[in-house]
């Protein structure tokens, strides 16, 4: 379900390129994990089922999607970065860089770990 606070975040905090990426991410999450709830968490867009599945952050160089339990995901696609105990992330600069099949796989795995999907 779309969250108006995330809509406002996209319009006021993101560049047009990042808005396009976020919109595509929102569509992928809606299709892949329909029971995920879209929220602002720590001021950033995120998706929850029982716990946080993934969070979006941005900086001048890229938009980052962080999987809260990313270290537990199988990364057959090779897109996940990070060496932390729990999280893994992937960075995007344009919507064309968005690895749709990999994201669907990661989201499905994250939802399964959360007891959903």
Protein backbone atom coordinates (compact mmCIF):
# COMPACT_ATOMS: atom_id res chain seq x y z
CA UNK A 1 0.00 0.00 0.00
CA UNK A 2 1.33 3.41 -0.96
CA UNK A 3 2.14 5.86 1.80
CA UNK A 4 1.54 9.59 1.31
CA UNK A 5 4.58 10.40 3.45
CA UNK A 6 6.72 8.48 0.96
CA UNK A 7 5.06 10.40 -1.88
CA UNK A 8 5.98 13.66 -0.12
CA UNK A 9 9.52 12.41 0.50
CA UNK A 10 9.94 11.61 -3.19
CA UNK A 11 8.66 15.01 -4.30
CA UNK A 12 10.62 17.10 -1.82
CA UNK A 13 13.84 15.18 -1.19
CA UNK A 14 14.69 13.33 -4.41
CA UNK A 15 16.10 14.35 -7.76
CA UNK A 16 14.01 13.35 -10.80
CA UNK A 17 16.38 10.42 -11.45
CA UNK A 18 16.03 9.12 -7.89
CA UNK A 19 12.24 9.63 -7.99
CA UNK A 20 12.15 7.40 -11.06
CA UNK A 21 14.18 4.71 -9.28
CA UNK A 22 12.02 4.91 -6.16
CA UNK A 23 8.85 4.64 -8.23
CA UNK A 24 10.16 1.50 -9.93
CA UNK A 25 11.18 0.05 -6.56
CA UNK A 26 7.70 0.74 -5.21
CA UNK A 27 6.14 -1.10 -8.15
CA UNK A 28 8.47 -4.08 -7.72
CA UNK A 29 7.77 -4.31 -3.98
CA UNK A 30 3.99 -4.04 -4.54
CA UNK A 31 4.10 -6.86 -7.09
CA UNK A 32 6.60 -9.08 -5.27
CA UNK A 33 5.58 -8.66 -1.62
CA UNK A 34 1.99 -7.39 -1.72
CA UNK A 35 1.62 -7.63 2.06
CA UNK A 36 4.57 -5.28 2.65
CA UNK A 37 3.68 -1.98 4.26
CA UNK A 38 5.38 1.14 2.93
CA UNK A 39 6.54 3.53 5.68
CA UNK A 40 9.03 6.24 6.46
CA UNK A 41 11.61 4.80 8.84
CA UNK A 42 14.21 7.14 10.21
CA UNK A 43 13.04 9.64 7.62
CA UNK A 44 13.61 7.24 4.70
CA UNK A 45 11.26 5.06 2.65
CA UNK A 46 11.12 1.46 3.87
CA UNK A 47 8.99 -1.65 3.58
CA UNK A 48 7.87 -3.79 6.52
CA UNK A 49 6.05 -7.07 6.90
CA UNK A 50 6.72 -8.19 10.46
CA UNK A 51 10.10 -6.45 10.47
CA UNK A 52 11.85 -4.11 8.06
CA UNK A 53 12.59 -5.78 4.74
CA UNK A 54 14.43 -2.95 3.00
CA UNK A 55 15.16 0.76 3.33
CA UNK A 56 16.03 3.42 0.76
CA UNK A 57 18.68 6.05 1.42
CA UNK A 58 20.25 8.58 -0.92
CA UNK A 59 23.33 10.72 -1.29
CA UNK A 60 24.88 12.76 -4.09
CA UNK A 61 26.31 9.67 -5.77
CA UNK A 62 23.50 7.09 -5.69
CA UNK A 63 20.28 5.73 -4.29
CA UNK A 64 20.91 2.78 -1.97
CA UNK A 65 18.50 -0.03 -1.17
CA UNK A 66 19.52 -1.79 2.05
CA UNK A 67 18.18 -5.20 3.01
CA UNK A 68 17.99 -5.41 6.80
CA UNK A 69 18.79 -9.14 6.84
CA UNK A 70 20.81 -9.06 3.64
CA UNK A 71 23.63 -11.19 5.06
CA UNK A 72 21.12 -14.05 5.22
CA UNK A 73 20.13 -13.70 1.55
CA UNK A 74 21.54 -15.92 -1.17
CA UNK A 75 23.14 -13.63 -3.76
CA UNK A 76 23.16 -15.64 -6.97
CA UNK A 77 22.98 -12.35 -8.91
CA UNK A 78 26.08 -10.71 -7.45
CA UNK A 79 24.49 -7.32 -6.83
CA UNK A 80 24.61 -7.14 -3.04
CA UNK A 81 27.43 -5.21 -1.40
CA UNK A 82 28.59 -4.98 2.19
CA UNK A 83 30.34 -7.00 4.83
CA UNK A 84 28.31 -6.12 7.91
CA UNK A 85 26.89 -8.66 10.31
CA UNK A 86 23.29 -8.18 9.08
CA UNK A 87 22.75 -5.78 6.19
CA UNK A 88 23.59 -5.85 2.51
CA UNK A 89 22.85 -3.14 -0.01
CA UNK A 90 22.90 -2.25 -3.67
CA UNK A 91 23.47 1.14 -5.22
CA UNK A 92 21.80 2.66 -8.27
CA UNK A 93 22.23 5.94 -10.14
CA UNK A 94 19.60 5.48 -12.85
CA UNK A 95 16.47 3.39 -13.31
CA UNK A 96 18.26 1.55 -16.11
CA UNK A 97 20.73 0.18 -13.52
CA UNK A 98 17.92 -1.33 -11.47
CA UNK A 99 18.37 -5.13 -11.50
CA UNK A 100 14.68 -6.03 -11.53
CA UNK A 101 15.02 -9.84 -11.50
CA UNK A 102 17.61 -9.72 -8.71
CA UNK A 103 15.45 -7.34 -6.66
CA UNK A 104 12.43 -9.61 -6.96
CA UNK A 105 14.56 -12.52 -5.78
CA UNK A 106 16.04 -10.58 -2.84
CA UNK A 107 12.62 -9.27 -1.80
CA UNK A 108 11.09 -12.75 -1.97
CA UNK A 109 13.91 -14.12 0.17
CA UNK A 110 13.62 -11.23 2.65
CA UNK A 111 9.86 -11.74 2.96
CA UNK A 112 10.36 -15.48 3.46
CA UNK A 113 12.88 -14.81 6.24
CA UNK A 114 10.29 -12.51 7.78
CA UNK A 115 7.67 -15.24 7.72
CA UNK A 116 5.74 -13.79 4.76
CA UNK A 117 5.52 -14.44 1.01
